[in-house]
Amino acid sequence: MNLSLTPSFPVRGRAGNFLLWGDTMRVAFSDAFLTGHPDIDGEHLEIFEIINAVADAIAEREFEKCENLVSSFLNVCRDHFRHEEEILAEVNFPRLEEHASFHADLLEKGQNIRLLCKRQVDPSQLDNCFTEMVKFFLEDVVRGDLDFVSFLQHKGVVPIRPEYPVRPDI
């Protein structure tokens, strides 16, 4: 499920690869974001789509819509984190407490992103909001979720992928 689009103009940002479509900055979804768990991956895709909807709202100068989407982003993330923690509890993930704490820290950062977006009405400043949302997403997927992928593989919950080798030390 590689959702990367061929960009009209790729831009390397601090948080990853962005795509510039006209005046709209978007982030490309990658197979690297997939954990192998259909529920978690589906929720990641939903979060990703909200991020790009924020980019569209910024480009269209629909600031109220942008603010509503950021609130939706946080609600979806909160539900996703809760669901992910339930999945990890079911398989006795040994670092669940640390992972839940990581999620709580991310949600606190998310509230700061929401406030940042709410205070800004200049599209050039709102790009910072978009960038922060992308960093939030990447931090969850790359720093947080990839920690448990090997464990889920070891337990037989998700298929083994060569890019995420099963670690016997888990």
C-alpha atoms as a PDB file:
ATOM      1  CA  MET A   1       0.000   0.000   0.000  1.00  0.00           C
ATOM      2  CA  ASN A   2       2.323   2.749  -1.163  1.00  0.00           C
ATOM      3  CA  LEU A   3       0.361   5.963  -1.420  1.00  0.00           C
ATOM      4  CA  SER A   4       3.270   8.140  -2.490  1.00  0.00           C
ATOM      5  CA  LEU A   5       2.278  10.315  -5.398  1.00  0.00           C
ATOM      6  CA  THR A   6       4.575  11.525  -8.113  1.00  0.00           C
ATOM      7  CA  PRO A   7       5.197  15.100  -7.036  1.00  0.00           C
ATOM      8  CA  SER A   8       5.261  18.094  -9.286  1.00  0.00           C
ATOM      9  CA  PHE A   9       8.079  19.376  -7.094  1.00  0.00           C
ATOM     10  CA  PRO A  10       9.547  17.421  -4.160  1.00  0.00           C
ATOM     11  CA  VAL A  11      10.802  19.323  -1.143  1.00  0.00           C
ATOM     12  CA  ARG A  12      12.875  17.868   1.674  1.00  0.00           C
ATOM     13  CA  GLY A  13      11.565  19.167   4.975  1.00  0.00           C
ATOM     14  CA  ARG A  14      12.827  18.776   8.531  1.00  0.00           C
ATOM     15  CA  ALA A  15      10.145  16.207   9.256  1.00  0.00           C
ATOM     16  CA  GLY A  16      10.433  14.118   6.098  1.00  0.00           C
ATOM     17  CA  ASN A  17       9.533  14.247   2.453  1.00  0.00           C
ATOM     18  CA  PHE A  18       6.988  16.849   1.465  1.00  0.00           C
ATOM     19  CA  LEU A  19       5.333  17.299  -1.873  1.00  0.00           C
ATOM     20  CA  LEU A  20       4.523  20.673  -3.332  1.00  0.00           C
ATOM     21  CA  TRP A  21       1.400  20.598  -5.519  1.00  0.00           C
ATOM     22  CA  GLY A  22       0.983  24.127  -6.768  1.00  0.00           C
ATOM     23  CA  ASP A  23       0.805  26.107  -3.552  1.00  0.00           C
ATOM     24  CA  THR A  24      -0.120  23.094  -1.417  1.00  0.00           C
ATOM     25  CA  MET A  25       2.433  21.312   0.752  1.00  0.00           C
ATOM     26  CA  ARG A  26       1.592  17.643   1.298  1.00  0.00           C
ATOM     27  CA  VAL A  27       3.326  14.670   2.861  1.00  0.00           C
ATOM     28  CA  ALA A  28       3.664  11.349   1.041  1.00  0.00           C
ATOM     29  CA  PHE A  29       2.523   8.194   2.797  1.00  0.00           C
ATOM     30  CA  SER A  30       5.075   5.416   2.574  1.00  0.00           C
ATOM     31  CA  ASP A  31       5.108   1.663   3.122  1.00  0.00           C
ATOM     32  CA  ALA A  32       7.672   2.405   5.834  1.00  0.00           C
ATOM     33  CA  PHE A  33       4.762   3.727   7.943  1.00  0.00           C
ATOM     34  CA  LEU A  34       3.028   0.327   7.896  1.00  0.00           C
ATOM     35  CA  THR A  35       3.206  -1.906  10.951  1.00  0.00           C
ATOM     36  CA  GLY A  36       1.503  -4.894   9.334  1.00  0.00           C
ATOM     37  CA  HIS A  37      -1.484  -4.664  11.688  1.00  0.00           C
ATOM     38  CA  PRO A  38      -4.548  -3.751   9.597  1.00  0.00           C
ATOM     39  CA  ASP A  39      -6.296  -1.726  12.322  1.00  0.00           C
ATOM     40  CA  ILE A  40      -3.212   0.275  13.265  1.00  0.00           C
ATOM     41  CA  ASP A  41      -2.265   0.852   9.632  1.00  0.00           C
ATOM     42  CA  GLY A  42      -5.803   1.950   8.749  1.00  0.00           C
ATOM     43  CA  GLU A  43      -5.763   4.432  11.603  1.00  0.00           C
ATOM     44  CA  HIS A  44      -2.348   5.740  10.503  1.00  0.00           C
ATOM     45  CA  LEU A  45      -3.765   6.306   7.039  1.00  0.00           C
ATOM     46  CA  GLU A  46      -6.738   8.208   8.512  1.00  0.00           C
ATOM     47  CA  ILE A  47      -4.363  10.432  10.510  1.00  0.00           C
ATOM     48  CA  PHE A  48      -2.253  10.975   7.413  1.00  0.00           C
ATOM     49  CA  GLU A  49      -5.325  11.997   5.392  1.00  0.00           C
ATOM     50  CA  ILE A  50      -6.299  14.564   8.032  1.00  0.00           C
ATOM     51  CA  ILE A  51      -2.789  16.039   7.892  1.00  0.00           C
ATOM     52  CA  ASN A  52      -3.089  16.522   4.151  1.00  0.00           C
ATOM     53  CA  ALA A  53      -6.614  17.926   4.549  1.00  0.00           C
ATOM     54  CA  VAL A  54      -5.047  20.557   6.842  1.00  0.00           C
ATOM     55  CA  ALA A  55      -2.550  21.342   4.078  1.00  0.00           C
ATOM     56  CA  ASP A  56      -5.432  21.783   1.638  1.00  0.00           C
ATOM     57  CA  ALA A  57      -7.308  24.051   4.075  1.00  0.00           C
ATOM     58  CA  ILE A  58      -4.188  26.181   4.525  1.00  0.00           C
ATOM     59  CA  ALA A  59      -3.736  26.468   0.765  1.00  0.00           C
ATOM     60  CA  GLU A  60      -7.399  27.409   0.335  1.00  0.00           C
ATOM     61  CA  ARG A  61      -7.105  29.940   3.184  1.00  0.00           C
ATOM     62  CA  GLU A  62      -9.938  28.215   5.045  1.00  0.00           C
ATOM     63  CA  PHE A  63      -8.608  28.966   8.505  1.00  0.00           C
ATOM     64  CA  GLU A  64     -11.686  27.883  10.459  1.00  0.00           C
ATOM     65  CA  LYS A  65     -11.695  24.570   8.591  1.00  0.00           C
ATOM     66  CA  CYS A  66      -8.000  24.213   9.423  1.00  0.00           C
ATOM     67  CA  GLU A  67      -8.696  24.709  13.118  1.00  0.00           C
ATOM     68  CA  ASN A  68     -11.527  22.133  13.025  1.00  0.00           C
ATOM     69  CA  LEU A  69      -9.301  19.632  11.218  1.00  0.00           C
ATOM     70  CA  VAL A  70      -6.552  20.037  13.808  1.00  0.00           C
ATOM     71  CA  SER A  71      -9.097  19.270  16.540  1.00  0.00           C
ATOM     72  CA  SER A  72     -10.231  16.243  14.538  1.00  0.00           C
ATOM     73  CA  PHE A  73      -6.582  15.203  14.144  1.00  0.00           C
ATOM     74  CA  LEU A  74      -6.118  15.211  17.924  1.00  0.00           C
ATOM     75  CA  ASN A  75      -9.349  13.295  18.544  1.00  0.00           C
ATOM     76  CA  VAL A  76      -8.437  10.642  15.978  1.00  0.00           C
ATOM     77  CA  CYS A  77      -4.914  10.389  17.433  1.00  0.00           C
ATOM     78  CA  ARG A  78      -6.300  10.016  20.970  1.00  0.00           C
ATOM     79  CA  ASP A  79      -8.631   7.201  19.826  1.00  0.00           C
ATOM     80  CA  HIS A  80      -5.819   5.588  17.836  1.00  0.00           C
ATOM     81  CA  PHE A  81      -3.463   5.635  20.804  1.00  0.00           C
ATOM     82  CA  ARG A  82      -6.112   4.085  23.059  1.00  0.00           C
ATOM     83  CA  HIS A  83      -6.845   1.360  20.491  1.00  0.00           C
ATOM     84  CA  GLU A  84      -3.158   0.675  19.873  1.00  0.00           C
ATOM     85  CA  GLU A  85      -2.529   0.335  23.613  1.00  0.00           C
ATOM     86  CA  GLU A  86      -5.431  -2.144  23.862  1.00  0.00           C
ATOM     87  CA  ILE A  87      -3.890  -4.219  21.053  1.00  0.00           C
ATOM     88  CA  LEU A  88      -0.489  -4.157  22.750  1.00  0.00           C
ATOM     89  CA  ALA A  89      -2.028  -5.116  26.110  1.00  0.00           C
ATOM     90  CA  GLU A  90      -3.709  -8.145  24.494  1.00  0.00           C
ATOM     91  CA  VAL A  91      -0.316  -9.482  23.376  1.00  0.00           C
ATOM     92  CA  ASN A  92       1.462  -8.515  26.632  1.00  0.00           C
ATOM     93  CA  PHE A  93       3.844  -6.057  25.013  1.00  0.00           C
ATOM     94  CA  PRO A  94       6.569  -5.662  27.666  1.00  0.00           C
ATOM     95  CA  ARG A  95       7.082  -1.918  27.125  1.00  0.00           C
ATOM     96  CA  LEU A  96       3.405  -0.962  27.110  1.00  0.00           C
ATOM     97  CA  GLU A  97       3.748   1.437  30.042  1.00  0.00           C
ATOM     98  CA  GLU A  98       6.566   3.327  28.314  1.00  0.00           C
ATOM     99  CA  HIS A  99       4.629   3.337  25.046  1.00  0.00           C
ATOM    100  CA  ALA A 100       1.518   4.727  26.740  1.00  0.00           C
ATOM    101  CA  SER A 101       3.660   7.419  28.374  1.00  0.00           C
ATOM    102  CA  PHE A 102       5.095   8.266  24.961  1.00  0.00           C
ATOM    103  CA  HIS A 103       1.534   8.624  23.643  1.00  0.00           C
ATOM    104  CA  ALA A 104       0.617  10.936  26.534  1.00  0.00           C
ATOM    105  CA  ASP A 105       3.639  13.108  25.735  1.00  0.00           C
ATOM    106  CA  LEU A 106       2.627  13.228  22.079  1.00  0.00           C
ATOM    107  CA  LEU A 107      -0.913  14.284  22.965  1.00  0.00           C
ATOM    108  CA  GLU A 108       0.500  17.103  25.083  1.00  0.00           C
ATOM    109  CA  LYS A 109       2.571  18.201  22.084  1.00  0.00           C
ATOM    110  CA  GLY A 110      -0.589  17.893  20.008  1.00  0.00           C
ATOM    111  CA  GLN A 111      -2.374  20.396  22.231  1.00  0.00           C
ATOM    112  CA  ASN A 112       0.513  22.802  21.656  1.00  0.00           C
ATOM    113  CA  ILE A 113       0.148  22.272  17.900  1.00  0.00           C
ATOM    114  CA  ARG A 114      -3.573  23.019  18.181  1.00  0.00           C
ATOM    115  CA  LEU A 115      -2.825  26.281  20.000  1.00  0.00           C
ATOM    116  CA  LEU A 116      -0.174  27.184  17.432  1.00  0.00           C
ATOM    117  CA  CYS A 117      -2.655  26.641  14.621  1.00  0.00           C
ATOM    118  CA  LYS A 118      -5.413  28.524  16.387  1.00  0.00           C
ATOM    119  CA  ARG A 119      -3.251  31.638  16.870  1.00  0.00           C
ATOM    120  CA  GLN A 120      -2.107  31.879  13.261  1.00  0.00           C
ATOM    121  CA  VAL A 121      -4.089  33.228  10.352  1.00  0.00           C
ATOM    122  CA  ASP A 122      -1.233  33.885   7.958  1.00  0.00           C
ATOM    123  CA  PRO A 123      -0.809  30.951   5.530  1.00  0.00           C
ATOM    124  CA  SER A 124       2.972  31.233   5.681  1.00  0.00           C
ATOM    125  CA  GLN A 125       2.797  30.824   9.467  1.00  0.00           C
ATOM    126  CA  LEU A 126       0.218  28.047   9.210  1.00  0.00           C
ATOM    127  CA  ASP A 127       2.791  26.029   7.301  1.00  0.00           C
ATOM    128  CA  ASN A 128       4.486  25.688  10.691  1.00  0.00           C
ATOM    129  CA  CYS A 129       1.305  24.052  11.977  1.00  0.00           C
ATOM    130  CA  PHE A 130       1.368  21.599   9.096  1.00  0.00           C
ATOM    131  CA  THR A 131       5.050  20.827   9.682  1.00  0.00           C
ATOM    132  CA  GLU A 132       4.421  20.219  13.394  1.00  0.00           C
ATOM    133  CA  MET A 133       1.567  17.815  12.588  1.00  0.00           C
ATOM    134  CA  VAL A 134       3.835  15.899  10.214  1.00  0.00           C
ATOM    135  CA  LYS A 135       6.531  15.683  12.878  1.00  0.00           C
ATOM    136  CA  PHE A 136       3.915  14.474  15.381  1.00  0.00           C
ATOM    137  CA  PHE A 137       2.805  11.723  12.982  1.00  0.00           C
ATOM    138  CA  LEU A 138       6.354  10.671  12.130  1.00  0.00           C
ATOM    139  CA  GLU A 139       7.379  10.669  15.776  1.00  0.00           C
ATOM    140  CA  ASP A 140       4.499   8.316  16.592  1.00  0.00           C
ATOM    141  CA  VAL A 141       5.132   5.963  13.699  1.00  0.00           C
ATOM    142  CA  VAL A 142       8.912   5.998  13.485  1.00  0.00           C
ATOM    143  CA  ARG A 143       9.974   6.461  17.097  1.00  0.00           C
ATOM    144  CA  GLY A 144       7.015   4.879  18.824  1.00  0.00           C
ATOM    145  CA  ASP A 145       5.363   2.215  16.719  1.00  0.00           C
ATOM    146  CA  LEU A 146       8.400   0.672  15.116  1.00  0.00           C
ATOM    147  CA  ASP A 147       9.428  -0.335  18.637  1.00  0.00           C
ATOM    148  CA  PHE A 148       6.606  -2.876  18.798  1.00  0.00           C
ATOM    149  CA  VAL A 149       6.539  -4.143  15.188  1.00  0.00           C
ATOM    150  CA  SER A 150       9.206  -6.767  15.851  1.00  0.00           C
ATOM    151  CA  PHE A 151       7.332  -7.900  18.950  1.00  0.00           C
ATOM    152  CA  LEU A 152       4.079  -8.301  16.997  1.00  0.00           C
ATOM    153  CA  GLN A 153       5.987 -10.300  14.378  1.00  0.00           C
ATOM    154  CA  HIS A 154       7.523 -12.498  17.067  1.00  0.00           C
ATOM    155  CA  LYS A 155       4.040 -13.168  18.477  1.00  0.00           C
ATOM    156  CA  GLY A 156       2.707 -13.982  14.987  1.00  0.00           C
ATOM    157  CA  VAL A 157       0.233 -11.078  15.093  1.00  0.00           C
ATOM    158  CA  VAL A 158       1.628  -9.438  11.940  1.00  0.00           C
ATOM    159  CA  PRO A 159       3.568 -10.887   9.012  1.00  0.00           C
ATOM    160  CA  ILE A 160       7.343 -10.730   9.068  1.00  0.00           C
ATOM    161  CA  ARG A 161       8.788  -8.007   6.842  1.00  0.00           C
ATOM    162  CA  PRO A 162      12.480  -8.005   5.964  1.00  0.00           C
ATOM    163  CA  GLU A 163      12.841  -4.311   6.789  1.00  0.00           C
ATOM    164  CA  TYR A 164      11.721  -5.024  10.373  1.00  0.00           C
ATOM    165  CA  PRO A 165      13.686  -8.096  11.473  1.00  0.00           C
ATOM    166  CA  VAL A 166      12.325 -10.062  14.406  1.00  0.00           C
ATOM    167  CA  ARG A 167      14.467  -9.384  17.453  1.00  0.00           C
ATOM    168  CA  PRO A 168      14.765 -12.390  19.762  1.00  0.00           C
ATOM    169  CA  ASP A 169      15.642 -10.137  22.725  1.00  0.00           C
ATOM    170  CA  ILE A 170      12.097  -8.795  23.093  1.00  0.00           C
END
